[in-house]
Amino acid sequence: YGVKASFPISSFYHNKHKEKAAVLELKREEVAHEET
């Protein structure tokens, strides 16, 4: 028994474009809300 710990180092470069896409999706939804 004990403690497990891990850190995804590869996420620093894998996550870059995912985050940008999520930001754009949020902006699109905010515009859609204004249109509603």
PDB file of all heavy atoms in Angstrom:
ATOM      1  N   TYR A   1       0.853  -1.176   0.000  1.00  0.00           N
ATOM      2  CA  TYR A   1       0.000   0.000   0.000  1.00  0.00           C
ATOM      3  C   TYR A   1       0.896   1.235   0.000  1.00  0.00           C
ATOM      4  O   TYR A   1       2.053   1.179   0.393  1.00  0.00           O
ATOM      5  CB  TYR A   1      -0.934   0.026   1.211  1.00  0.00           C
ATOM      6  CG  TYR A   1      -0.243   0.070   2.541  1.00  0.00           C
ATOM      7  CD1 TYR A   1       0.079   1.284   3.164  1.00  0.00           C
ATOM      8  CD2 TYR A   1       0.113  -1.110   3.204  1.00  0.00           C
ATOM      9  CE1 TYR A   1       0.713   1.313   4.386  1.00  0.00           C
ATOM     10  CE2 TYR A   1       0.754  -1.094   4.419  1.00  0.00           C
ATOM     11  CZ  TYR A   1       1.053   0.122   5.007  1.00  0.00           C
ATOM     12  OH  TYR A   1       1.698   0.153   6.218  1.00  0.00           O
ATOM     13  N   GLY A   2       0.326   2.344  -0.492  1.00  0.00           N
ATOM     14  CA  GLY A   2       1.136   3.548  -0.547  1.00  0.00           C
ATOM     15  C   GLY A   2       0.473   4.609  -1.415  1.00  0.00           C
ATOM     16  O   GLY A   2      -0.745   4.657  -1.554  1.00  0.00           O
ATOM     17  N   VAL A   3       1.309   5.427  -1.995  1.00  0.00           N
ATOM     18  CA  VAL A   3       0.834   6.548  -2.811  1.00  0.00           C
ATOM     19  C   VAL A   3       1.393   6.413  -4.211  1.00  0.00           C
ATOM     20  O   VAL A   3       2.582   6.115  -4.386  1.00  0.00           O
ATOM     21  CB  VAL A   3       1.275   7.908  -2.206  1.00  0.00           C
ATOM     22  CG1 VAL A   3       0.800   9.065  -3.082  1.00  0.00           C
ATOM     23  CG2 VAL A   3       0.752   8.057  -0.788  1.00  0.00           C
ATOM     24  N   LYS A   4       0.494   6.622  -5.191  1.00  0.00           N
ATOM     25  CA  LYS A   4       0.918   6.638  -6.596  1.00  0.00           C
ATOM     26  C   LYS A   4       0.838   8.063  -7.105  1.00  0.00           C
ATOM     27  O   LYS A   4      -0.136   8.767  -6.854  1.00  0.00           O
ATOM     28  CB  LYS A   4       0.021   5.749  -7.455  1.00  0.00           C
ATOM     29  CG  LYS A   4       0.345   4.275  -7.376  1.00  0.00           C
ATOM     30  CD  LYS A   4      -0.518   3.500  -8.364  1.00  0.00           C
ATOM     31  CE  LYS A   4      -0.170   2.012  -8.332  1.00  0.00           C
ATOM     32  NZ  LYS A   4      -1.006   1.244  -9.308  1.00  0.00           N
ATOM     33  N   ALA A   5       1.818   8.450  -7.881  1.00  0.00           N
ATOM     34  CA  ALA A   5       1.812   9.787  -8.475  1.00  0.00           C
ATOM     35  C   ALA A   5       2.398   9.709  -9.876  1.00  0.00           C
ATOM     36  O   ALA A   5       3.338   8.937 -10.120  1.00  0.00           O
ATOM     37  CB  ALA A   5       2.605  10.772  -7.620  1.00  0.00           C
ATOM     38  N   SER A   6       1.808  10.488 -10.774  1.00  0.00           N
ATOM     39  CA  SER A   6       2.311  10.517 -12.148  1.00  0.00           C
ATOM     40  C   SER A   6       2.093  11.909 -12.728  1.00  0.00           C
ATOM     41  O   SER A   6       1.220  12.663 -12.263  1.00  0.00           O
ATOM     42  CB  SER A   6       1.618   9.472 -13.014  1.00  0.00           C
ATOM     43  OG  SER A   6       0.224   9.728 -13.082  1.00  0.00           O
ATOM     44  N   PHE A   7       2.893  12.216 -13.750  1.00  0.00           N
ATOM     45  CA  PHE A   7       2.749  13.517 -14.384  1.00  0.00           C
ATOM     46  C   PHE A   7       2.920  13.338 -15.899  1.00  0.00           C
ATOM     47  O   PHE A   7       3.965  12.849 -16.351  1.00  0.00           O
ATOM     48  CB  PHE A   7       3.795  14.502 -13.860  1.00  0.00           C
ATOM     49  CG  PHE A   7       3.575  15.912 -14.337  1.00  0.00           C
ATOM     50  CD1 PHE A   7       2.703  16.764 -13.673  1.00  0.00           C
ATOM     51  CD2 PHE A   7       4.221  16.379 -15.487  1.00  0.00           C
ATOM     52  CE1 PHE A   7       2.491  18.061 -14.119  1.00  0.00           C
ATOM     53  CE2 PHE A   7       4.006  17.675 -15.936  1.00  0.00           C
ATOM     54  CZ  PHE A   7       3.138  18.518 -15.254  1.00  0.00           C
ATOM     55  N   PRO A   8       1.897  13.728 -16.680  1.00  0.00           N
ATOM     56  CA  PRO A   8       1.965  13.531 -18.144  1.00  0.00           C
ATOM     57  C   PRO A   8       2.794  14.628 -18.824  1.00  0.00           C
ATOM     58  O   PRO A   8       2.247  15.663 -19.237  1.00  0.00           O
ATOM     59  CB  PRO A   8       0.489  13.591 -18.557  1.00  0.00           C
ATOM     60  CG  PRO A   8      -0.142  14.493 -17.555  1.00  0.00           C
ATOM     61  CD  PRO A   8       0.605  14.275 -16.257  1.00  0.00           C
ATOM     62  N   ILE A   9       4.061  14.424 -18.965  1.00  0.00           N
ATOM     63  CA  ILE A   9       4.935  15.434 -19.562  1.00  0.00           C
ATOM     64  C   ILE A   9       4.548  15.709 -21.019  1.00  0.00           C
ATOM     65  O   ILE A   9       4.610  16.845 -21.504  1.00  0.00           O
ATOM     66  CB  ILE A   9       6.405  14.990 -19.465  1.00  0.00           C
ATOM     67  CG1 ILE A   9       6.808  14.846 -17.990  1.00  0.00           C
ATOM     68  CG2 ILE A   9       7.328  15.976 -20.161  1.00  0.00           C
ATOM     69  CD1 ILE A   9       8.210  14.322 -17.797  1.00  0.00           C
ATOM     70  N   SER A  10       4.131  14.666 -21.725  1.00  0.00           N
ATOM     71  CA  SER A  10       3.792  14.829 -23.139  1.00  0.00           C
ATOM     72  C   SER A  10       2.587  15.743 -23.347  1.00  0.00           C
ATOM     73  O   SER A  10       2.385  16.264 -24.454  1.00  0.00           O
ATOM     74  CB  SER A  10       3.505  13.472 -23.776  1.00  0.00           C
ATOM     75  OG  SER A  10       2.409  12.830 -23.118  1.00  0.00           O
ATOM     76  N   SER A  11       1.796  15.985 -22.299  1.00  0.00           N
ATOM     77  CA  SER A  11       0.630  16.861 -22.450  1.00  0.00           C
ATOM     78  C   SER A  11       1.018  18.291 -22.743  1.00  0.00           C
ATOM     79  O   SER A  11       0.204  19.061 -23.270  1.00  0.00           O
ATOM     80  CB  SER A  11      -0.223  16.812 -21.164  1.00  0.00           C
ATOM     81  OG  SER A  11      -0.796  15.536 -20.994  1.00  0.00           O
ATOM     82  N   PHE A  12       2.265  18.672 -22.418  1.00  0.00           N
ATOM     83  CA  PHE A  12       2.680  20.045 -22.690  1.00  0.00           C
ATOM     84  C   PHE A  12       2.640  20.358 -24.188  1.00  0.00           C
ATOM     85  O   PHE A  12       2.324  21.479 -24.580  1.00  0.00           O
ATOM     86  CB  PHE A  12       4.087  20.281 -22.143  1.00  0.00           C
ATOM     87  CG  PHE A  12       4.123  20.520 -20.667  1.00  0.00           C
ATOM     88  CD1 PHE A  12       4.650  19.571 -19.806  1.00  0.00           C
ATOM     89  CD2 PHE A  12       3.625  21.697 -20.130  1.00  0.00           C
ATOM     90  CE1 PHE A  12       4.685  19.789 -18.443  1.00  0.00           C
ATOM     91  CE2 PHE A  12       3.670  21.924 -18.765  1.00  0.00           C
ATOM     92  CZ  PHE A  12       4.190  20.959 -17.916  1.00  0.00           C
ATOM     93  N   TYR A  13       2.939  19.366 -25.022  1.00  0.00           N
ATOM     94  CA  TYR A  13       2.885  19.625 -26.467  1.00  0.00           C
ATOM     95  C   TYR A  13       1.660  18.977 -27.131  1.00  0.00           C
ATOM     96  O   TYR A  13       1.209  19.424 -28.169  1.00  0.00           O
ATOM     97  CB  TYR A  13       4.175  19.160 -27.159  1.00  0.00           C
ATOM     98  CG  TYR A  13       4.639  17.762 -26.823  1.00  0.00           C
ATOM     99  CD1 TYR A  13       4.167  16.653 -27.523  1.00  0.00           C
ATOM    100  CD2 TYR A  13       5.581  17.560 -25.812  1.00  0.00           C
ATOM    101  CE1 TYR A  13       4.615  15.387 -27.223  1.00  0.00           C
ATOM    102  CE2 TYR A  13       6.034  16.296 -25.509  1.00  0.00           C
ATOM    103  CZ  TYR A  13       5.535  15.199 -26.214  1.00  0.00           C
ATOM    104  OH  TYR A  13       5.978  13.947 -25.921  1.00  0.00           O
ATOM    105  N   HIS A  14       1.109  17.926 -26.502  1.00  0.00           N
ATOM    106  CA  HIS A  14      -0.104  17.327 -27.063  1.00  0.00           C
ATOM    107  C   HIS A  14      -1.345  18.178 -26.797  1.00  0.00           C
ATOM    108  O   HIS A  14      -2.310  18.129 -27.562  1.00  0.00           O
ATOM    109  CB  HIS A  14      -0.329  15.933 -26.460  1.00  0.00           C
ATOM    110  CG  HIS A  14       0.543  14.883 -27.052  1.00  0.00           C
ATOM    111  ND1 HIS A  14       0.814  13.687 -26.421  1.00  0.00           N
ATOM    112  CD2 HIS A  14       1.234  14.838 -28.225  1.00  0.00           C
ATOM    113  CE1 HIS A  14       1.615  12.955 -27.167  1.00  0.00           C
ATOM    114  NE2 HIS A  14       1.904  13.642 -28.277  1.00  0.00           N
ATOM    115  N   ASN A  15      -1.324  18.938 -25.727  1.00  0.00           N
ATOM    116  CA  ASN A  15      -2.519  19.662 -25.282  1.00  0.00           C
ATOM    117  C   ASN A  15      -2.656  21.054 -25.903  1.00  0.00           C
ATOM    118  O   ASN A  15      -3.684  21.703 -25.762  1.00  0.00           O
ATOM    119  CB  ASN A  15      -2.495  19.808 -23.751  1.00  0.00           C
ATOM    120  CG  ASN A  15      -3.881  19.776 -23.154  1.00  0.00           C
ATOM    121  OD1 ASN A  15      -4.647  18.866 -23.425  1.00  0.00           O
ATOM    122  ND2 ASN A  15      -4.226  20.774 -22.351  1.00  0.00           N
ATOM    123  N   LYS A  16      -1.618  21.519 -26.593  1.00  0.00           N
ATOM    124  CA  LYS A  16      -1.589  22.891 -27.074  1.00  0.00           C
ATOM    125  C   LYS A  16      -2.747  23.188 -28.029  1.00  0.00           C
ATOM    126  O   LYS A  16      -3.509  24.141 -27.837  1.00  0.00           O
ATOM    127  CB  LYS A  16      -0.240  23.150 -27.752  1.00  0.00           C
ATOM    128  CG  LYS A  16      -0.086  24.555 -28.302  1.00  0.00           C
ATOM    129  CD  LYS A  16       1.291  24.724 -28.933  1.00  0.00           C
ATOM    130  CE  LYS A  16       1.455  26.134 -29.498  1.00  0.00           C
ATOM    131  NZ  LYS A  16       2.787  26.306 -30.141  1.00  0.00           N
ATOM    132  N   HIS A  17      -2.897  22.379 -29.048  1.00  0.00           N
ATOM    133  CA  HIS A  17      -3.939  22.633 -30.043  1.00  0.00           C
ATOM    134  C   HIS A  17      -5.328  22.255 -29.529  1.00  0.00           C
ATOM    135  O   HIS A  17      -6.328  22.847 -29.946  1.00  0.00           O
ATOM    136  CB  HIS A  17      -3.617  21.870 -31.326  1.00  0.00           C
ATOM    137  CG  HIS A  17      -2.332  22.293 -31.967  1.00  0.00           C
ATOM    138  ND1 HIS A  17      -2.164  23.536 -32.545  1.00  0.00           N
ATOM    139  CD2 HIS A  17      -1.139  21.645 -32.091  1.00  0.00           C
ATOM    140  CE1 HIS A  17      -0.923  23.644 -33.016  1.00  0.00           C
ATOM    141  NE2 HIS A  17      -0.281  22.514 -32.743  1.00  0.00           N
ATOM    142  N   LYS A  18      -5.385  21.302 -28.633  1.00  0.00           N
ATOM    143  CA  LYS A  18      -6.680  20.957 -28.030  1.00  0.00           C
ATOM    144  C   LYS A  18      -7.248  22.151 -27.250  1.00  0.00           C
ATOM    145  O   LYS A  18      -8.446  22.433 -27.301  1.00  0.00           O
ATOM    146  CB  LYS A  18      -6.523  19.764 -27.091  1.00  0.00           C
ATOM    147  CG  LYS A  18      -6.185  18.462 -27.791  1.00  0.00           C
ATOM    148  CD  LYS A  18      -6.048  17.330 -26.783  1.00  0.00           C
ATOM    149  CE  LYS A  18      -5.684  16.027 -27.485  1.00  0.00           C
ATOM    150  NZ  LYS A  18      -5.512  14.905 -26.514  1.00  0.00           N
ATOM    151  N   GLU A  19      -6.357  22.828 -26.534  1.00  0.00           N
ATOM    152  CA  GLU A  19      -6.798  23.981 -25.750  1.00  0.00           C
ATOM    153  C   GLU A  19      -7.260  25.116 -26.672  1.00  0.00           C
ATOM    154  O   GLU A  19      -8.274  25.770 -26.403  1.00  0.00           O
ATOM    155  CB  GLU A  19      -5.675  24.453 -24.847  1.00  0.00           C
ATOM    156  CG  GLU A  19      -6.076  25.584 -23.909  1.00  0.00           C
ATOM    157  CD  GLU A  19      -4.986  25.919 -22.911  1.00  0.00           C
ATOM    158  OE1 GLU A  19      -4.082  25.076 -22.716  1.00  0.00           O
ATOM    159  OE2 GLU A  19      -5.030  27.026 -22.338  1.00  0.00           O
ATOM    160  N   LYS A  20      -6.541  25.350 -27.768  1.00  0.00           N
ATOM    161  CA  LYS A  20      -6.953  26.397 -28.698  1.00  0.00           C
ATOM    162  C   LYS A  20      -8.311  26.075 -29.324  1.00  0.00           C
ATOM    163  O   LYS A  20      -9.171  26.955 -29.504  1.00  0.00           O
ATOM    164  CB  LYS A  20      -5.902  26.563 -29.791  1.00  0.00           C
ATOM    165  CG  LYS A  20      -4.612  27.228 -29.325  1.00  0.00           C
ATOM    166  CD  LYS A  20      -3.639  27.431 -30.479  1.00  0.00           C
ATOM    167  CE  LYS A  20      -2.374  28.142 -30.011  1.00  0.00           C
ATOM    168  NZ  LYS A  20      -1.400  28.344 -31.139  1.00  0.00           N
ATOM    169  N   ALA A  21      -8.518  24.797 -29.669  1.00  0.00           N
ATOM    170  CA  ALA A  21      -9.804  24.395 -30.242  1.00  0.00           C
ATOM    171  C   ALA A  21     -10.935  24.585 -29.237  1.00  0.00           C
ATOM    172  O   ALA A  21     -12.041  25.026 -29.591  1.00  0.00           O
ATOM    173  CB  ALA A  21      -9.735  22.939 -30.699  1.00  0.00           C
ATOM    174  N   ALA A  22     -10.671  24.267 -27.961  1.00  0.00           N
ATOM    175  CA  ALA A  22     -11.695  24.443 -26.928  1.00  0.00           C
ATOM    176  C   ALA A  22     -12.030  25.923 -26.730  1.00  0.00           C
ATOM    177  O   ALA A  22     -13.191  26.286 -26.507  1.00  0.00           O
ATOM    178  CB  ALA A  22     -11.222  23.822 -25.612  1.00  0.00           C
ATOM    179  N   VAL A  23     -11.030  26.794 -26.819  1.00  0.00           N
ATOM    180  CA  VAL A  23     -11.266  28.233 -26.691  1.00  0.00           C
ATOM    181  C   VAL A  23     -12.142  28.731 -27.835  1.00  0.00           C
ATOM    182  O   VAL A  23     -13.081  29.510 -27.636  1.00  0.00           O
ATOM    183  CB  VAL A  23      -9.926  28.998 -26.658  1.00  0.00           C
ATOM    184  CG1 VAL A  23     -10.168  30.496 -26.769  1.00  0.00           C
ATOM    185  CG2 VAL A  23      -9.161  28.685 -25.376  1.00  0.00           C
ATOM    186  N   LEU A  24     -11.860  28.279 -29.047  1.00  0.00           N
ATOM    187  CA  LEU A  24     -12.663  28.685 -30.202  1.00  0.00           C
ATOM    188  C   LEU A  24     -14.100  28.174 -30.100  1.00  0.00           C
ATOM    189  O   LEU A  24     -15.048  28.873 -30.469  1.00  0.00           O
ATOM    190  CB  LEU A  24     -12.003  28.181 -31.492  1.00  0.00           C
ATOM    191  CG  LEU A  24     -10.653  28.818 -31.846  1.00  0.00           C
ATOM    192  CD1 LEU A  24     -10.043  28.132 -33.066  1.00  0.00           C
ATOM    193  CD2 LEU A  24     -10.817  30.315 -32.092  1.00  0.00           C
ATOM    194  N   GLU A  25     -14.260  26.962 -29.610  1.00  0.00           N
ATOM    195  CA  GLU A  25     -15.610  26.412 -29.417  1.00  0.00           C
ATOM    196  C   GLU A  25     -16.393  27.245 -28.404  1.00  0.00           C
ATOM    197  O   GLU A  25     -17.590  27.481 -28.572  1.00  0.00           O
ATOM    198  CB  GLU A  25     -15.524  24.962 -28.947  1.00  0.00           C
ATOM    199  CG  GLU A  25     -15.195  23.962 -30.032  1.00  0.00           C
ATOM    200  CD  GLU A  25     -16.324  23.837 -31.040  1.00  0.00           C
ATOM    201  OE1 GLU A  25     -17.502  23.862 -30.632  1.00  0.00           O
ATOM    202  OE2 GLU A  25     -16.027  23.733 -32.248  1.00  0.00           O
ATOM    203  N   LEU A  26     -15.715  27.676 -27.356  1.00  0.00           N
ATOM    204  CA  LEU A  26     -16.377  28.519 -26.355  1.00  0.00           C
ATOM    205  C   LEU A  26     -16.801  29.848 -26.967  1.00  0.00           C
ATOM    206  O   LEU A  26     -17.924  30.324 -26.738  1.00  0.00           O
ATOM    207  CB  LEU A  26     -15.437  28.749 -25.174  1.00  0.00           C
ATOM    208  CG  LEU A  26     -15.948  29.710 -24.086  1.00  0.00           C
ATOM    209  CD1 LEU A  26     -17.267  29.221 -23.506  1.00  0.00           C
ATOM    210  CD2 LEU A  26     -14.898  29.874 -22.988  1.00  0.00           C
ATOM    211  N   LYS A  27     -15.919  30.456 -27.774  1.00  0.00           N
ATOM    212  CA  LYS A  27     -16.281  31.724 -28.422  1.00  0.00           C
ATOM    213  C   LYS A  27     -17.467  31.543 -29.362  1.00  0.00           C
ATOM    214  O   LYS A  27     -18.370  32.381 -29.416  1.00  0.00           O
ATOM    215  CB  LYS A  27     -15.080  32.271 -29.186  1.00  0.00           C
ATOM    216  CG  LYS A  27     -13.949  32.784 -28.293  1.00  0.00           C
ATOM    217  CD  LYS A  27     -12.807  33.347 -29.131  1.00  0.00           C
ATOM    218  CE  LYS A  27     -11.696  33.903 -28.225  1.00  0.00           C
ATOM    219  NZ  LYS A  27     -10.560  34.453 -29.026  1.00  0.00           N
ATOM    220  N   ARG A  28     -17.473  30.442 -30.106  1.00  0.00           N
ATOM    221  CA  ARG A  28     -18.591  30.181 -31.014  1.00  0.00           C
ATOM    222  C   ARG A  28     -19.903  30.028 -30.249  1.00  0.00           C
ATOM    223  O   ARG A  28     -20.941  30.559 -30.661  1.00  0.00           O
ATOM    224  CB  ARG A  28     -18.310  28.916 -31.824  1.00  0.00           C
ATOM    225  CG  ARG A  28     -19.369  28.609 -32.891  1.00  0.00           C
ATOM    226  CD  ARG A  28     -19.154  27.232 -33.493  1.00  0.00           C
ATOM    227  NE  ARG A  28     -19.321  26.196 -32.505  1.00  0.00           N
ATOM    228  CZ  ARG A  28     -20.514  25.707 -32.134  1.00  0.00           C
ATOM    229  NH1 ARG A  28     -21.616  26.191 -32.664  1.00  0.00           N
ATOM    230  NH2 ARG A  28     -20.585  24.760 -31.236  1.00  0.00           N
ATOM    231  N   GLU A  29     -19.848  29.337 -29.122  1.00  0.00           N
ATOM    232  CA  GLU A  29     -21.061  29.142 -28.329  1.00  0.00           C
ATOM    233  C   GLU A  29     -21.533  30.453 -27.711  1.00  0.00           C
ATOM    234  O   GLU A  29     -22.742  30.680 -27.570  1.00  0.00           O
ATOM    235  CB  GLU A  29     -20.796  28.099 -27.236  1.00  0.00           C
ATOM    236  CG  GLU A  29     -22.050  27.534 -26.603  1.00  0.00           C
ATOM    237  CD  GLU A  29     -22.942  26.843 -27.599  1.00  0.00           C
ATOM    238  OE1 GLU A  29     -22.439  26.040 -28.401  1.00  0.00           O
ATOM    239  OE2 GLU A  29     -24.168  27.130 -27.584  1.00  0.00           O
ATOM    240  N   GLU A  30     -20.604  31.315 -27.317  1.00  0.00           N
ATOM    241  CA  GLU A  30     -20.992  32.624 -26.782  1.00  0.00           C
ATOM    242  C   GLU A  30     -21.687  33.477 -27.851  1.00  0.00           C
ATOM    243  O   GLU A  30     -22.664  34.172 -27.566  1.00  0.00           O
ATOM    244  CB  GLU A  30     -19.756  33.342 -26.235  1.00  0.00           C
ATOM    245  CG  GLU A  30     -19.231  32.719 -24.944  1.00  0.00           C
ATOM    246  CD  GLU A  30     -17.935  33.374 -24.479  1.00  0.00           C
ATOM    247  OE1 GLU A  30     -17.311  34.086 -25.307  1.00  0.00           O
ATOM    248  OE2 GLU A  30     -17.534  33.172 -23.318  1.00  0.00           O
ATOM    249  N   VAL A  31     -21.182  33.403 -29.081  1.00  0.00           N
ATOM    250  CA  VAL A  31     -21.845  34.119 -30.180  1.00  0.00           C
ATOM    251  C   VAL A  31     -23.232  33.537 -30.440  1.00  0.00           C
ATOM    252  O   VAL A  31     -24.198  34.266 -30.686  1.00  0.00           O
ATOM    253  CB  VAL A  31     -20.977  34.064 -31.456  1.00  0.00           C
ATOM    254  CG1 VAL A  31     -21.723  34.674 -32.646  1.00  0.00           C
ATOM    255  CG2 VAL A  31     -19.663  34.798 -31.242  1.00  0.00           C
ATOM    256  N   ALA A  32     -23.329  32.204 -30.379  1.00  0.00           N
ATOM    257  CA  ALA A  32     -24.630  31.554 -30.573  1.00  0.00           C
ATOM    258  C   ALA A  32     -25.623  31.958 -29.487  1.00  0.00           C
ATOM    259  O   ALA A  32     -26.825  32.131 -29.746  1.00  0.00           O
ATOM    260  CB  ALA A  32     -24.456  30.037 -30.592  1.00  0.00           C
ATOM    261  N   HIS A  33     -25.103  32.135 -28.261  1.00  0.00           N
ATOM    262  CA  HIS A  33     -25.975  32.572 -27.161  1.00  0.00           C
ATOM    263  C   HIS A  33     -26.480  33.996 -27.411  1.00  0.00           C
ATOM    264  O   HIS A  33     -27.655  34.297 -27.166  1.00  0.00           O
ATOM    265  CB  HIS A  33     -25.202  32.494 -25.850  1.00  0.00           C
ATOM    266  CG  HIS A  33     -25.998  32.911 -24.649  1.00  0.00           C
ATOM    267  ND1 HIS A  33     -27.180  32.294 -24.281  1.00  0.00           N
ATOM    268  CD2 HIS A  33     -25.798  33.898 -23.725  1.00  0.00           C
ATOM    269  CE1 HIS A  33     -27.670  32.878 -23.194  1.00  0.00           C
ATOM    270  NE2 HIS A  33     -26.841  33.853 -22.852  1.00  0.00           N
ATOM    271  N   GLU A  34     -25.601  34.849 -27.903  1.00  0.00           N
ATOM    272  CA  GLU A  34     -26.031  36.213 -28.233  1.00  0.00           C
ATOM    273  C   GLU A  34     -27.063  36.207 -29.357  1.00  0.00           C
ATOM    274  O   GLU A  34     -28.036  36.973 -29.338  1.00  0.00           O
ATOM    275  CB  GLU A  34     -24.816  37.042 -28.632  1.00  0.00           C
ATOM    276  CG  GLU A  34     -23.836  37.297 -27.489  1.00  0.00           C
ATOM    277  CD  GLU A  34     -22.600  38.044 -27.942  1.00  0.00           C
ATOM    278  OE1 GLU A  34     -22.506  38.330 -29.171  1.00  0.00           O
ATOM    279  OE2 GLU A  34     -21.728  38.343 -27.104  1.00  0.00           O
ATOM    280  N   GLU A  35     -26.859  35.332 -30.325  1.00  0.00           N
ATOM    281  CA  GLU A  35     -27.825  35.227 -31.423  1.00  0.00           C
ATOM    282  C   GLU A  35     -29.182  34.742 -30.905  1.00  0.00           C
ATOM    283  O   GLU A  35     -30.233  35.222 -31.348  1.00  0.00           O
ATOM    284  CB  GLU A  35     -27.303  34.272 -32.497  1.00  0.00           C
ATOM    285  CG  GLU A  35     -28.235  34.161 -33.696  1.00  0.00           C
ATOM    286  CD  GLU A  35     -27.787  33.103 -34.676  1.00  0.00           C
ATOM    287  OE1 GLU A  35     -27.073  32.178 -34.246  1.00  0.00           O
ATOM    288  OE2 GLU A  35     -28.157  33.187 -35.848  1.00  0.00           O
ATOM    289  N   THR A  36     -29.159  33.809 -29.971  1.00  0.00           N
ATOM    290  CA  THR A  36     -30.410  33.338 -29.380  1.00  0.00           C
ATOM    291  C   THR A  36     -31.148  34.479 -28.692  1.00  0.00           C
ATOM    292  O   THR A  36     -32.373  34.594 -28.791  1.00  0.00           O
ATOM    293  CB  THR A  36     -30.132  32.204 -28.373  1.00  0.00           C
ATOM    294  OG1 THR A  36     -29.453  31.133 -29.030  1.00  0.00           O
ATOM    295  CG2 THR A  36     -31.432  31.683 -27.764  1.00  0.00           C
TER     296      THR A  36
END
